[in-house]
Amino acid sequence: MLDPKQFEDLVQRLSSSMPKGLQMLHEDINRNVRASVESGLARLDLVTREEFDVQSAVLARSRAKIAALEAQVAALEQALAAGRPDSH
């Protein structure tokens, strides 16, 4: 999800961009902005950085295994073709 520091910065920027007349209500605005952003983020289908990194590693290992298996199949096909007389 969103880094807490980034989240704090976002809330601070949004609340500080309010017109000066509303600065008196800064605390209330800050609370409402935070609740709105948290609600919006909660509705998104997000994964944590850790989950993303784990899945990226799994994908990299899978790709490596597929490449090795493709090479093995190609070698077996070549050996099979070399062992058969050509039917042309």
Protein backbone atom coordinates (compact mmCIF):
# COMPACT_ATOMS: atom_id res chain seq x y z
CA MET A 1 0.00 0.00 0.00
CA LEU A 2 1.03 3.65 0.09
CA ASP A 3 4.10 4.46 2.19
CA PRO A 4 2.98 6.21 5.42
CA LYS A 5 5.43 9.06 4.78
CA GLN A 6 4.06 9.57 1.27
CA PHE A 7 0.54 9.38 2.65
CA GLU A 8 1.32 12.06 5.24
CA ASP A 9 2.88 14.26 2.55
CA LEU A 10 -0.17 13.84 0.32
CA VAL A 11 -2.58 14.73 3.12
CA GLN A 12 -0.43 17.72 4.10
CA ARG A 13 -0.29 19.02 0.50
CA LEU A 14 -4.01 18.63 -0.01
CA SER A 15 -4.91 20.34 3.24
CA SER A 16 -2.39 23.16 2.75
CA SER A 17 -3.78 23.90 -0.71
CA MET A 18 -7.11 24.87 0.81
CA PRO A 19 -8.05 28.57 0.74
CA LYS A 20 -6.78 30.65 3.68
CA GLY A 21 -10.29 31.15 5.04
CA LEU A 22 -10.52 27.45 5.68
CA GLN A 23 -7.20 27.21 7.52
CA MET A 24 -9.10 27.62 10.81
CA LEU A 25 -10.67 24.28 10.11
CA HIS A 26 -7.33 22.70 9.29
CA GLU A 27 -7.68 19.85 11.77
CA ASP A 28 -11.15 18.93 10.54
CA ILE A 29 -10.08 19.19 6.91
CA ASN A 30 -7.01 17.09 7.61
CA ARG A 31 -9.15 14.38 9.22
CA ASN A 32 -11.69 14.42 6.36
CA VAL A 33 -9.04 14.35 3.64
CA ARG A 34 -7.31 11.46 5.38
CA ALA A 35 -10.58 9.52 5.65
CA SER A 36 -11.41 10.16 1.99
CA VAL A 37 -7.99 9.07 0.74
CA GLU A 38 -7.98 5.97 2.96
CA SER A 39 -11.46 5.06 1.75
CA GLY A 40 -10.42 5.48 -1.88
CA LEU A 41 -7.30 3.39 -1.42
CA ALA A 42 -9.22 0.68 0.43
CA ARG A 43 -11.47 0.19 -2.62
CA LEU A 44 -8.50 -0.39 -4.92
CA ASP A 45 -7.16 -3.87 -5.50
CA LEU A 46 -3.60 -3.15 -4.36
CA VAL A 47 -0.79 -5.41 -3.22
CA THR A 48 2.05 -4.56 -0.89
CA ARG A 49 5.56 -4.03 -2.20
CA GLU A 50 6.58 -7.24 -0.43
CA GLU A 51 3.86 -9.26 -2.20
CA PHE A 52 4.84 -7.70 -5.53
CA ASP A 53 8.52 -8.52 -4.99
CA VAL A 54 7.71 -12.13 -4.03
CA GLN A 55 5.57 -12.61 -7.15
CA SER A 56 8.26 -10.99 -9.33
CA ALA A 57 10.81 -13.47 -7.97
CA VAL A 58 8.44 -16.39 -8.59
CA LEU A 59 7.89 -15.18 -12.15
CA ALA A 60 11.65 -14.83 -12.77
CA ARG A 61 12.25 -18.40 -11.50
CA SER A 62 9.40 -19.69 -13.66
CA ARG A 63 10.79 -17.97 -16.74
CA ALA A 64 14.23 -19.46 -16.08
CA LYS A 65 12.74 -22.96 -15.70
CA ILE A 66 10.74 -22.55 -18.92
CA ALA A 67 13.85 -21.46 -20.81
CA ALA A 68 15.77 -24.47 -19.48
CA LEU A 69 12.93 -26.83 -20.41
CA GLU A 70 12.69 -25.31 -23.91
CA ALA A 71 16.42 -25.91 -24.38
CA GLN A 72 16.06 -29.46 -23.11
CA VAL A 73 13.13 -30.18 -25.47
CA ALA A 74 15.08 -28.72 -28.41
CA ALA A 75 18.08 -30.93 -27.57
CA LEU A 76 15.85 -34.01 -27.29
CA GLU A 77 14.15 -33.20 -30.59
CA GLN A 78 17.53 -32.78 -32.25
CA ALA A 79 18.78 -36.08 -30.81
CA LEU A 80 15.60 -37.82 -31.93
CA ALA A 81 15.90 -36.37 -35.43
CA ALA A 82 19.55 -37.40 -35.62
CA GLY A 83 18.68 -40.99 -34.65
CA ARG A 84 16.02 -41.41 -37.35
CA PRO A 85 16.68 -41.88 -41.02
CA ASP A 86 15.22 -39.07 -43.08
CA SER A 87 11.91 -40.16 -44.70
CA HIS A 88 12.21 -37.81 -47.72
